[in-house]
């Protein structure tokens, strides 16, 4: 991975964690390892979607739930983990994330 790509990823993680006050947004836990989860898959976003408008801080347990939705596409398996729900938790939206990603 190039140093430029590493810097983009680091900036993404830092911006997401700072905004979310270093806690899991869905369950509120802090002082645990967190993941800066892409709400909309980075392959579906301009420039990889490495913007805080497309990221949310999740603990390992909640990250697994969010990934389960990504894999299945079914909200009945993990209610509350649809991308619209996650965007709402951080006061963002798909459209905001796309716009911010286009400005990278």
PDB file of N, CA and C in Angstrom:
ATOM      1  N   UNK A   1       0.842  -1.171   0.000  1.00  0.00           N
ATOM      2  CA  UNK A   1       0.000   0.000   0.000  1.00  0.00           C
ATOM      3  C   UNK A   1       0.889   1.236   0.000  1.00  0.00           C
ATOM      4  N   UNK A   2       0.543   2.193  -0.827  1.00  0.00           N
ATOM      5  CA  UNK A   2       1.350   3.402  -0.940  1.00  0.00           C
ATOM      6  C   UNK A   2       1.214   4.257   0.316  1.00  0.00           C
ATOM      7  N   UNK A   3       2.179   5.120   0.523  1.00  0.00           N
ATOM      8  CA  UNK A   3       2.128   5.994   1.701  1.00  0.00           C
ATOM      9  C   UNK A   3       0.961   6.972   1.591  1.00  0.00           C
ATOM     10  N   UNK A   4       0.600   7.366   0.374  1.00  0.00           N
ATOM     11  CA  UNK A   4      -0.549   8.251   0.183  1.00  0.00           C
ATOM     12  C   UNK A   4      -1.846   7.586   0.610  1.00  0.00           C
ATOM     13  N   UNK A   5      -2.005   6.322   0.225  1.00  0.00           N
ATOM     14  CA  UNK A   5      -3.209   5.561   0.597  1.00  0.00           C
ATOM     15  C   UNK A   5      -3.266   5.361   2.113  1.00  0.00           C
ATOM     16  N   UNK A   6      -2.121   5.082   2.725  1.00  0.00           N
ATOM     17  CA  UNK A   6      -2.077   4.915   4.180  1.00  0.00           C
ATOM     18  C   UNK A   6      -2.502   6.205   4.884  1.00  0.00           C
ATOM     19  N   UNK A   7      -2.072   7.327   4.354  1.00  0.00           N
ATOM     20  CA  UNK A   7      -2.411   8.617   4.953  1.00  0.00           C
ATOM     21  C   UNK A   7      -3.908   8.891   4.832  1.00  0.00           C
ATOM     22  N   UNK A   8      -4.501   8.578   3.684  1.00  0.00           N
ATOM     23  CA  UNK A   8      -5.942   8.760   3.485  1.00  0.00           C
ATOM     24  C   UNK A   8      -6.711   7.916   4.494  1.00  0.00           C
ATOM     25  N   UNK A   9      -6.302   6.659   4.653  1.00  0.00           N
ATOM     26  CA  UNK A   9      -6.978   5.763   5.610  1.00  0.00           C
ATOM     27  C   UNK A   9      -6.807   6.257   7.043  1.00  0.00           C
ATOM     28  N   UNK A  10      -5.620   6.709   7.396  1.00  0.00           N
ATOM     29  CA  UNK A  10      -5.358   7.221   8.737  1.00  0.00           C
ATOM     30  C   UNK A  10      -6.203   8.465   9.017  1.00  0.00           C
ATOM     31  N   UNK A  11      -6.267   9.368   8.049  1.00  0.00           N
ATOM     32  CA  UNK A  11      -7.069  10.576   8.218  1.00  0.00           C
ATOM     33  C   UNK A  11      -8.551  10.235   8.387  1.00  0.00           C
ATOM     34  N   UNK A  12      -9.027   9.247   7.630  1.00  0.00           N
ATOM     35  CA  UNK A  12     -10.409   8.791   7.730  1.00  0.00           C
ATOM     36  C   UNK A  12     -10.687   8.277   9.145  1.00  0.00           C
ATOM     37  N   UNK A  13      -9.853   7.366   9.611  1.00  0.00           N
ATOM     38  CA  UNK A  13     -10.033   6.791  10.938  1.00  0.00           C
ATOM     39  C   UNK A  13     -10.018   7.879  12.018  1.00  0.00           C
ATOM     40  N   UNK A  14      -9.044   8.762  11.955  1.00  0.00           N
ATOM     41  CA  UNK A  14      -8.928   9.812  12.965  1.00  0.00           C
ATOM     42  C   UNK A  14     -10.155  10.725  12.966  1.00  0.00           C
ATOM     43  N   UNK A  15     -10.623  11.117  11.786  1.00  0.00           N
ATOM     44  CA  UNK A  15     -11.783  12.007  11.692  1.00  0.00           C
ATOM     45  C   UNK A  15     -13.045  11.334  12.247  1.00  0.00           C
ATOM     46  N   UNK A  16     -13.224  10.054  11.913  1.00  0.00           N
ATOM     47  CA  UNK A  16     -14.395   9.315  12.393  1.00  0.00           C
ATOM     48  C   UNK A  16     -14.328   9.141  13.911  1.00  0.00           C
ATOM     49  N   UNK A  17     -13.199   8.704  14.425  1.00  0.00           N
ATOM     50  CA  UNK A  17     -13.067   8.473  15.866  1.00  0.00           C
ATOM     51  C   UNK A  17     -13.232   9.773  16.661  1.00  0.00           C
ATOM     52  N   UNK A  18     -12.646  10.863  16.165  1.00  0.00           N
ATOM     53  CA  UNK A  18     -12.785  12.144  16.858  1.00  0.00           C
ATOM     54  C   UNK A  18     -14.240  12.583  16.909  1.00  0.00           C
ATOM     55  N   UNK A  19     -14.917  12.541  15.760  1.00  0.00           N
ATOM     56  CA  UNK A  19     -16.319  12.952  15.720  1.00  0.00           C
ATOM     57  C   UNK A  19     -17.154  12.127  16.695  1.00  0.00           C
ATOM     58  N   UNK A  20     -16.883  10.824  16.769  1.00  0.00           N
ATOM     59  CA  UNK A  20     -17.661   9.907  17.592  1.00  0.00           C
ATOM     60  C   UNK A  20     -17.153   9.812  19.027  1.00  0.00           C
ATOM     61  N   UNK A  21     -16.189  10.656  19.357  1.00  0.00           N
ATOM     62  CA  UNK A  21     -15.640  10.733  20.723  1.00  0.00           C
ATOM     63  C   UNK A  21     -15.073   9.392  21.204  1.00  0.00           C
ATOM     64  N   UNK A  22     -14.474   8.658  20.281  1.00  0.00           N
ATOM     65  CA  UNK A  22     -13.781   7.408  20.585  1.00  0.00           C
ATOM     66  C   UNK A  22     -14.673   6.406  21.333  1.00  0.00           C
ATOM     67  N   UNK A  23     -15.910   6.294  20.854  1.00  0.00           N
ATOM     68  CA  UNK A  23     -16.846   5.319  21.420  1.00  0.00           C
ATOM     69  C   UNK A  23     -17.627   4.688  20.280  1.00  0.00           C
ATOM     70  N   UNK A  24     -18.138   3.498  20.516  1.00  0.00           N
ATOM     71  CA  UNK A  24     -18.983   2.825  19.535  1.00  0.00           C
ATOM     72  C   UNK A  24     -20.310   3.581  19.476  1.00  0.00           C
ATOM     73  N   UNK A  25     -20.671   4.021  18.301  1.00  0.00           N
ATOM     74  CA  UNK A  25     -21.880   4.827  18.161  1.00  0.00           C
ATOM     75  C   UNK A  25     -23.141   4.008  18.434  1.00  0.00           C
ATOM     76  N   UNK A  26     -23.144   2.726  18.101  1.00  0.00           N
ATOM     77  CA  UNK A  26     -24.369   1.948  18.252  1.00  0.00           C
ATOM     78  C   UNK A  26     -24.620   1.467  19.679  1.00  0.00           C
ATOM     79  N   UNK A  27     -23.576   1.095  20.415  1.00  0.00           N
ATOM     80  CA  UNK A  27     -23.796   0.594  21.781  1.00  0.00           C
ATOM     81  C   UNK A  27     -23.226   1.514  22.860  1.00  0.00           C
ATOM     82  N   UNK A  28     -22.389   2.472  22.477  1.00  0.00           N
ATOM     83  CA  UNK A  28     -21.870   3.454  23.420  1.00  0.00           C
ATOM     84  C   UNK A  28     -20.618   3.062  24.175  1.00  0.00           C
ATOM     85  N   UNK A  29     -20.122   1.848  23.972  1.00  0.00           N
ATOM     86  CA  UNK A  29     -18.940   1.395  24.693  1.00  0.00           C
ATOM     87  C   UNK A  29     -17.709   2.196  24.268  1.00  0.00           C
ATOM     88  N   UNK A  30     -16.814   2.421  25.217  1.00  0.00           N
ATOM     89  CA  UNK A  30     -15.550   3.094  24.921  1.00  0.00           C
ATOM     90  C   UNK A  30     -14.418   2.296  25.549  1.00  0.00           C
ATOM     91  N   UNK A  31     -13.211   2.742  25.346  1.00  0.00           N
ATOM     92  CA  UNK A  31     -12.021   2.064  25.882  1.00  0.00           C
ATOM     93  C   UNK A  31     -11.885   0.637  25.372  1.00  0.00           C
ATOM     94  N   UNK A  32     -12.310   0.406  24.141  1.00  0.00           N
ATOM     95  CA  UNK A  32     -12.130  -0.878  23.454  1.00  0.00           C
ATOM     96  C   UNK A  32     -11.634  -0.562  22.047  1.00  0.00           C
ATOM     97  N   UNK A  33     -11.020  -1.535  21.383  1.00  0.00           N
ATOM     98  CA  UNK A  33     -10.622  -1.290  19.991  1.00  0.00           C
ATOM     99  C   UNK A  33     -11.857  -0.972  19.143  1.00  0.00           C
ATOM    100  N   UNK A  34     -11.719   0.017  18.280  1.00  0.00           N
ATOM    101  CA  UNK A  34     -12.809   0.439  17.402  1.00  0.00           C
ATOM    102  C   UNK A  34     -12.414   0.265  15.949  1.00  0.00           C
ATOM    103  N   UNK A  35     -13.424   0.145  15.116  1.00  0.00           N
ATOM    104  CA  UNK A  35     -13.239   0.109  13.674  1.00  0.00           C
ATOM    105  C   UNK A  35     -13.929   1.324  13.084  1.00  0.00           C
ATOM    106  N   UNK A  36     -13.285   1.982  12.141  1.00  0.00           N
ATOM    107  CA  UNK A  36     -13.925   3.056  11.383  1.00  0.00           C
ATOM    108  C   UNK A  36     -14.593   2.377  10.191  1.00  0.00           C
ATOM    109  N   UNK A  37     -15.850   2.041  10.368  1.00  0.00           N
ATOM    110  CA  UNK A  37     -16.615   1.258   9.392  1.00  0.00           C
ATOM    111  C   UNK A  37     -17.129   2.155   8.277  1.00  0.00           C
ATOM    112  N   UNK A  38     -16.931   1.720   7.027  1.00  0.00           N
ATOM    113  CA  UNK A  38     -17.531   2.404   5.879  1.00  0.00           C
ATOM    114  C   UNK A  38     -19.013   2.028   5.829  1.00  0.00           C
ATOM    115  N   UNK A  39     -19.889   3.003   5.935  1.00  0.00           N
ATOM    116  CA  UNK A  39     -21.320   2.722   5.929  1.00  0.00           C
ATOM    117  C   UNK A  39     -21.751   2.207   4.563  1.00  0.00           C
ATOM    118  N   UNK A  40     -21.372   2.916   3.524  1.00  0.00           N
ATOM    119  CA  UNK A  40     -21.552   2.402   2.169  1.00  0.00           C
ATOM    120  C   UNK A  40     -20.195   1.862   1.743  1.00  0.00           C
ATOM    121  N   UNK A  41     -20.181   0.657   1.210  1.00  0.00           N
ATOM    122  CA  UNK A  41     -18.939   0.002   0.815  1.00  0.00           C
ATOM    123  C   UNK A  41     -18.051   0.956   0.015  1.00  0.00           C
ATOM    124  N   UNK A  42     -16.783   0.976   0.358  1.00  0.00           N
ATOM    125  CA  UNK A  42     -15.856   1.895  -0.311  1.00  0.00           C
ATOM    126  C   UNK A  42     -15.749   1.651  -1.812  1.00  0.00           C
ATOM    127  N   UNK A  43     -16.056   0.438  -2.261  1.00  0.00           N
ATOM    128  CA  UNK A  43     -16.023   0.154  -3.697  1.00  0.00           C
ATOM    129  C   UNK A  43     -17.212   0.766  -4.438  1.00  0.00           C
ATOM    130  N   UNK A  44     -18.204   1.206  -3.698  1.00  0.00           N
ATOM    131  CA  UNK A  44     -19.400   1.806  -4.295  1.00  0.00           C
ATOM    132  C   UNK A  44     -19.418   3.326  -4.163  1.00  0.00           C
ATOM    133  N   UNK A  45     -18.341   3.902  -3.631  1.00  0.00           N
ATOM    134  CA  UNK A  45     -18.276   5.347  -3.383  1.00  0.00           C
ATOM    135  C   UNK A  45     -17.164   5.977  -4.212  1.00  0.00           C
ATOM    136  N   UNK A  46     -17.336   7.230  -4.602  1.00  0.00           N
ATOM    137  CA  UNK A  46     -16.254   7.938  -5.289  1.00  0.00           C
ATOM    138  C   UNK A  46     -15.015   7.998  -4.402  1.00  0.00           C
ATOM    139  N   UNK A  47     -13.874   7.782  -4.979  1.00  0.00           N
ATOM    140  CA  UNK A  47     -12.596   7.884  -4.271  1.00  0.00           C
ATOM    141  C   UNK A  47     -12.527   7.021  -3.014  1.00  0.00           C
ATOM    142  N   UNK A  48     -13.288   5.945  -2.976  1.00  0.00           N
ATOM    143  CA  UNK A  48     -13.237   5.016  -1.862  1.00  0.00           C
ATOM    144  C   UNK A  48     -14.063   5.392  -0.646  1.00  0.00           C
ATOM    145  N   UNK A  49     -14.715   6.536  -0.675  1.00  0.00           N
ATOM    146  CA  UNK A  49     -15.578   6.921   0.444  1.00  0.00           C
ATOM    147  C   UNK A  49     -14.861   7.135   1.758  1.00  0.00           C
ATOM    148  N   UNK A  50     -13.601   7.536   1.699  1.00  0.00           N
ATOM    149  CA  UNK A  50     -12.817   7.742   2.917  1.00  0.00           C
ATOM    150  C   UNK A  50     -13.085   9.127   3.512  1.00  0.00           C
ATOM    151  N   UNK A  51     -14.338   9.372   3.852  1.00  0.00           N
ATOM    152  CA  UNK A  51     -14.737  10.637   4.457  1.00  0.00           C
ATOM    153  C   UNK A  51     -15.568  10.331   5.693  1.00  0.00           C
ATOM    154  N   UNK A  52     -15.495  11.232   6.678  1.00  0.00           N
ATOM    155  CA  UNK A  52     -16.204  10.965   7.932  1.00  0.00           C
ATOM    156  C   UNK A  52     -17.702  10.859   7.719  1.00  0.00           C
ATOM    157  N   UNK A  53     -18.234  11.461   6.668  1.00  0.00           N
ATOM    158  CA  UNK A  53     -19.663  11.375   6.370  1.00  0.00           C
ATOM    159  C   UNK A  53     -20.081   9.962   5.975  1.00  0.00           C
ATOM    160  N   UNK A  54     -19.110   9.102   5.657  1.00  0.00           N
ATOM    161  CA  UNK A  54     -19.374   7.710   5.292  1.00  0.00           C
ATOM    162  C   UNK A  54     -18.793   6.730   6.307  1.00  0.00           C
ATOM    163  N   UNK A  55     -18.375   7.233   7.455  1.00  0.00           N
ATOM    164  CA  UNK A  55     -17.771   6.358   8.451  1.00  0.00           C
ATOM    165  C   UNK A  55     -18.468   6.448   9.790  1.00  0.00           C
ATOM    166  N   UNK A  56     -18.387   5.348  10.533  1.00  0.00           N
ATOM    167  CA  UNK A  56     -18.970   5.293  11.869  1.00  0.00           C
ATOM    168  C   UNK A  56     -18.074   4.422  12.751  1.00  0.00           C
ATOM    169  N   UNK A  57     -17.867   4.845  13.984  1.00  0.00           N
ATOM    170  CA  UNK A  57     -17.046   4.084  14.929  1.00  0.00           C
ATOM    171  C   UNK A  57     -17.863   2.940  15.512  1.00  0.00           C
ATOM    172  N   UNK A  58     -17.344   1.723  15.358  1.00  0.00           N
ATOM    173  CA  UNK A  58     -18.025   0.540  15.871  1.00  0.00           C
ATOM    174  C   UNK A  58     -17.048  -0.346  16.635  1.00  0.00           C
ATOM    175  N   UNK A  59     -17.523  -0.918  17.748  1.00  0.00           N
ATOM    176  CA  UNK A  59     -16.744  -1.927  18.457  1.00  0.00           C
ATOM    177  C   UNK A  59     -16.788  -3.220  17.641  1.00  0.00           C
ATOM    178  N   UNK A  60     -15.999  -4.203  18.034  1.00  0.00           N
ATOM    179  CA  UNK A  60     -15.943  -5.458  17.269  1.00  0.00           C
ATOM    180  C   UNK A  60     -17.316  -6.116  17.129  1.00  0.00           C
ATOM    181  N   UNK A  61     -18.072  -6.165  18.225  1.00  0.00           N
ATOM    182  CA  UNK A  61     -19.378  -6.821  18.208  1.00  0.00           C
ATOM    183  C   UNK A  61     -20.348  -6.112  17.258  1.00  0.00           C
ATOM    184  N   UNK A  62     -20.408  -4.797  17.350  1.00  0.00           N
ATOM    185  CA  UNK A  62     -21.311  -4.036  16.475  1.00  0.00           C
ATOM    186  C   UNK A  62     -20.815  -4.039  15.033  1.00  0.00           C
ATOM    187  N   UNK A  63     -19.504  -4.071  14.849  1.00  0.00           N
ATOM    188  CA  UNK A  63     -18.963  -4.139  13.495  1.00  0.00           C
ATOM    189  C   UNK A  63     -19.379  -5.441  12.816  1.00  0.00           C
ATOM    190  N   UNK A  64     -19.368  -6.530  13.558  1.00  0.00           N
ATOM    191  CA  UNK A  64     -19.826  -7.808  12.996  1.00  0.00           C
ATOM    192  C   UNK A  64     -21.287  -7.730  12.565  1.00  0.00           C
ATOM    193  N   UNK A  65     -22.105  -7.052  13.346  1.00  0.00           N
ATOM    194  CA  UNK A  65     -23.513  -6.888  12.980  1.00  0.00           C
ATOM    195  C   UNK A  65     -23.660  -6.062  11.708  1.00  0.00           C
ATOM    196  N   UNK A  66     -22.880  -4.999  11.599  1.00  0.00           N
ATOM    197  CA  UNK A  66     -22.936  -4.162  10.400  1.00  0.00           C
ATOM    198  C   UNK A  66     -22.453  -4.945   9.184  1.00  0.00           C
ATOM    199  N   UNK A  67     -21.420  -5.747   9.354  1.00  0.00           N
ATOM    200  CA  UNK A  67     -20.914  -6.547   8.235  1.00  0.00           C
ATOM    201  C   UNK A  67     -21.925  -7.631   7.846  1.00  0.00           C
ATOM    202  N   UNK A  68     -22.649  -8.167   8.825  1.00  0.00           N
ATOM    203  CA  UNK A  68     -23.667  -9.173   8.533  1.00  0.00           C
ATOM    204  C   UNK A  68     -24.725  -8.570   7.606  1.00  0.00           C
ATOM    205  N   UNK A  69     -25.083  -7.304   7.855  1.00  0.00           N
ATOM    206  CA  UNK A  69     -26.035  -6.650   6.960  1.00  0.00           C
ATOM    207  C   UNK A  69     -25.426  -6.511   5.568  1.00  0.00           C
ATOM    208  N   UNK A  70     -24.169  -6.072   5.492  1.00  0.00           N
ATOM    209  CA  UNK A  70     -23.512  -5.906   4.190  1.00  0.00           C
ATOM    210  C   UNK A  70     -23.508  -7.211   3.400  1.00  0.00           C
ATOM    211  N   UNK A  71     -23.233  -8.303   4.076  1.00  0.00           N
ATOM    212  CA  UNK A  71     -23.146  -9.601   3.407  1.00  0.00           C
ATOM    213  C   UNK A  71     -24.519 -10.092   2.964  1.00  0.00           C
ATOM    214  N   UNK A  72     -25.505  -9.955   3.833  1.00  0.00           N
ATOM    215  CA  UNK A  72     -26.837 -10.512   3.538  1.00  0.00           C
ATOM    216  C   UNK A  72     -27.752  -9.522   2.830  1.00  0.00           C
ATOM    217  N   UNK A  73     -27.576  -8.232   3.129  1.00  0.00           N
ATOM    218  CA  UNK A  73     -28.481  -7.230   2.592  1.00  0.00           C
ATOM    219  C   UNK A  73     -29.855  -7.263   3.245  1.00  0.00           C
ATOM    220  N   UNK A  74     -29.975  -8.001   4.334  1.00  0.00           N
ATOM    221  CA  UNK A  74     -31.280  -8.172   4.975  1.00  0.00           C
ATOM    222  C   UNK A  74     -31.286  -7.551   6.364  1.00  0.00           C
ATOM    223  N   UNK A  75     -32.189  -6.613   6.557  1.00  0.00           N
ATOM    224  CA  UNK A  75     -32.255  -5.926   7.846  1.00  0.00           C
ATOM    225  C   UNK A  75     -32.861  -6.784   8.939  1.00  0.00           C
ATOM    226  N   UNK A  76     -33.622  -7.800   8.586  1.00  0.00           N
ATOM    227  CA  UNK A  76     -34.243  -8.599   9.647  1.00  0.00           C
ATOM    228  C   UNK A  76     -33.210  -9.367  10.463  1.00  0.00           C
ATOM    229  N   UNK A  77     -32.011  -9.578   9.907  1.00  0.00           N
ATOM    230  CA  UNK A  77     -30.970 -10.258  10.661  1.00  0.00           C
ATOM    231  C   UNK A  77     -30.354  -9.342  11.719  1.00  0.00           C
ATOM    232  N   UNK A  78     -30.212  -8.086  11.384  1.00  0.00           N
ATOM    233  CA  UNK A  78     -29.603  -7.134  12.301  1.00  0.00           C
ATOM    234  C   UNK A  78     -30.351  -5.805  12.234  1.00  0.00           C
ATOM    235  N   UNK A  79     -31.497  -5.718  12.889  1.00  0.00           N
ATOM    236  CA  UNK A  79     -32.247  -4.454  12.877  1.00  0.00           C
ATOM    237  C   UNK A  79     -31.390  -3.304  13.398  1.00  0.00           C
ATOM    238  N   UNK A  80     -31.505  -2.159  12.769  1.00  0.00           N
ATOM    239  CA  UNK A  80     -30.758  -0.985  13.194  1.00  0.00           C
ATOM    240  C   UNK A  80     -29.418  -0.820  12.508  1.00  0.00           C
ATOM    241  N   UNK A  81     -29.050  -1.762  11.650  1.00  0.00           N
ATOM    242  CA  UNK A  81     -27.745  -1.696  10.996  1.00  0.00           C
ATOM    243  C   UNK A  81     -27.839  -1.446   9.493  1.00  0.00           C
ATOM    244  N   UNK A  82     -29.017  -1.058   9.020  1.00  0.00           N
ATOM    245  CA  UNK A  82     -29.154  -0.652   7.623  1.00  0.00           C
ATOM    246  C   UNK A  82     -28.332   0.626   7.452  1.00  0.00           C
ATOM    247  N   UNK A  83     -27.710   0.830   6.296  1.00  0.00           N
ATOM    248  CA  UNK A  83     -26.933   2.059   6.110  1.00  0.00           C
ATOM    249  C   UNK A  83     -27.698   3.334   6.467  1.00  0.00           C
ATOM    250  N   UNK A  84     -28.985   3.404   6.149  1.00  0.00           N
ATOM    251  CA  UNK A  84     -29.760   4.595   6.502  1.00  0.00           C
ATOM    252  C   UNK A  84     -29.796   4.806   8.016  1.00  0.00           C
ATOM    253  N   UNK A  85     -29.887   3.711   8.774  1.00  0.00           N
ATOM    254  CA  UNK A  85     -29.869   3.806  10.239  1.00  0.00           C
ATOM    255  C   UNK A  85     -28.518   4.321  10.729  1.00  0.00           C
ATOM    256  N   UNK A  86     -27.445   3.788  10.164  1.00  0.00           N
ATOM    257  CA  UNK A  86     -26.094   4.193  10.585  1.00  0.00           C
ATOM    258  C   UNK A  86     -25.827   5.643  10.204  1.00  0.00           C
ATOM    259  N   UNK A  87     -26.210   6.039   8.989  1.00  0.00           N
ATOM    260  CA  UNK A  87     -26.052   7.447   8.596  1.00  0.00           C
ATOM    261  C   UNK A  87     -26.812   8.358   9.561  1.00  0.00           C
ATOM    262  N   UNK A  88     -28.009   7.964   9.925  1.00  0.00           N
ATOM    263  CA  UNK A  88     -28.822   8.771  10.829  1.00  0.00           C
ATOM    264  C   UNK A  88     -28.134   8.956  12.180  1.00  0.00           C
ATOM    265  N   UNK A  89     -27.477   7.918  12.658  1.00  0.00           N
ATOM    266  CA  UNK A  89     -26.795   7.987  13.959  1.00  0.00           C
ATOM    267  C   UNK A  89     -25.682   9.028  13.980  1.00  0.00           C
ATOM    268  N   UNK A  90     -25.093   9.298  12.810  1.00  0.00           N
ATOM    269  CA  UNK A  90     -24.003  10.274  12.752  1.00  0.00           C
ATOM    270  C   UNK A  90     -24.441  11.573  12.070  1.00  0.00           C
ATOM    271  N   UNK A  91     -25.757  11.708  11.860  1.00  0.00           N
ATOM    272  CA  UNK A  91     -26.326  12.901  11.228  1.00  0.00           C
ATOM    273  C   UNK A  91     -25.743  13.129   9.829  1.00  0.00           C
ATOM    274  N   UNK A  92     -25.692  12.049   9.072  1.00  0.00           N
ATOM    275  CA  UNK A  92     -25.209  12.108   7.693  1.00  0.00           C
ATOM    276  C   UNK A  92     -26.238  11.417   6.810  1.00  0.00           C
ATOM    277  N   UNK A  93     -25.890  11.230   5.558  1.00  0.00           N
ATOM    278  CA  UNK A  93     -26.748  10.553   4.592  1.00  0.00           C
ATOM    279  C   UNK A  93     -25.877  10.127   3.417  1.00  0.00           C
ATOM    280  N   UNK A  94     -26.374   9.185   2.660  1.00  0.00           N
ATOM    281  CA  UNK A  94     -25.644   8.702   1.492  1.00  0.00           C
ATOM    282  C   UNK A  94     -25.246   9.872   0.589  1.00  0.00           C
ATOM    283  N   UNK A  95     -26.170  10.781   0.348  1.00  0.00           N
ATOM    284  CA  UNK A  95     -25.913  11.919  -0.537  1.00  0.00           C
ATOM    285  C   UNK A  95     -24.789  12.801  -0.002  1.00  0.00           C
ATOM    286  N   UNK A  96     -24.778  13.031   1.300  1.00  0.00           N
ATOM    287  CA  UNK A  96     -23.698  13.819   1.916  1.00  0.00           C
ATOM    288  C   UNK A  96     -22.357  13.106   1.754  1.00  0.00           C
ATOM    289  N   UNK A  97     -22.362  11.788   1.941  1.00  0.00           N
ATOM    290  CA  UNK A  97     -21.124  11.008   1.825  1.00  0.00           C
ATOM    291  C   UNK A  97     -20.589  11.049   0.397  1.00  0.00           C
ATOM    292  N   UNK A  98     -21.468  10.924  -0.584  1.00  0.00           N
ATOM    293  CA  UNK A  98     -21.047  10.985  -1.988  1.00  0.00           C
ATOM    294  C   UNK A  98     -20.454  12.355  -2.290  1.00  0.00           C
ATOM    295  N   UNK A  99     -21.137  13.408  -1.862  1.00  0.00           N
ATOM    296  CA  UNK A  99     -20.653  14.760  -2.120  1.00  0.00           C
ATOM    297  C   UNK A  99     -19.260  14.985  -1.497  1.00  0.00           C
ATOM    298  N   UNK A 100     -19.097  14.567  -0.249  1.00  0.00           N
ATOM    299  CA  UNK A 100     -17.809  14.720   0.417  1.00  0.00           C
ATOM    300  C   UNK A 100     -16.736  13.869  -0.269  1.00  0.00           C
ATOM    301  N   UNK A 101     -17.102  12.666  -0.705  1.00  0.00           N
ATOM    302  CA  UNK A 101     -16.145  11.777  -1.379  1.00  0.00           C
ATOM    303  C   UNK A 101     -15.693  12.354  -2.713  1.00  0.00           C
ATOM    304  N   UNK A 102     -16.583  13.022  -3.395  1.00  0.00           N
ATOM    305  CA  UNK A 102     -16.232  13.647  -4.683  1.00  0.00           C
ATOM    306  C   UNK A 102     -15.225  14.776  -4.495  1.00  0.00           C
ATOM    307  N   UNK A 103     -15.152  15.318  -3.287  1.00  0.00           N
ATOM    308  CA  UNK A 103     -14.235  16.434  -3.000  1.00  0.00           C
ATOM    309  C   UNK A 103     -12.872  15.972  -2.501  1.00  0.00           C
ATOM    310  N   UNK A 104     -12.656  14.656  -2.418  1.00  0.00           N
ATOM    311  CA  UNK A 104     -11.345  14.158  -1.959  1.00  0.00           C
ATOM    312  C   UNK A 104     -10.268  14.488  -2.977  1.00  0.00           C
TER     313      UNK A 104
END
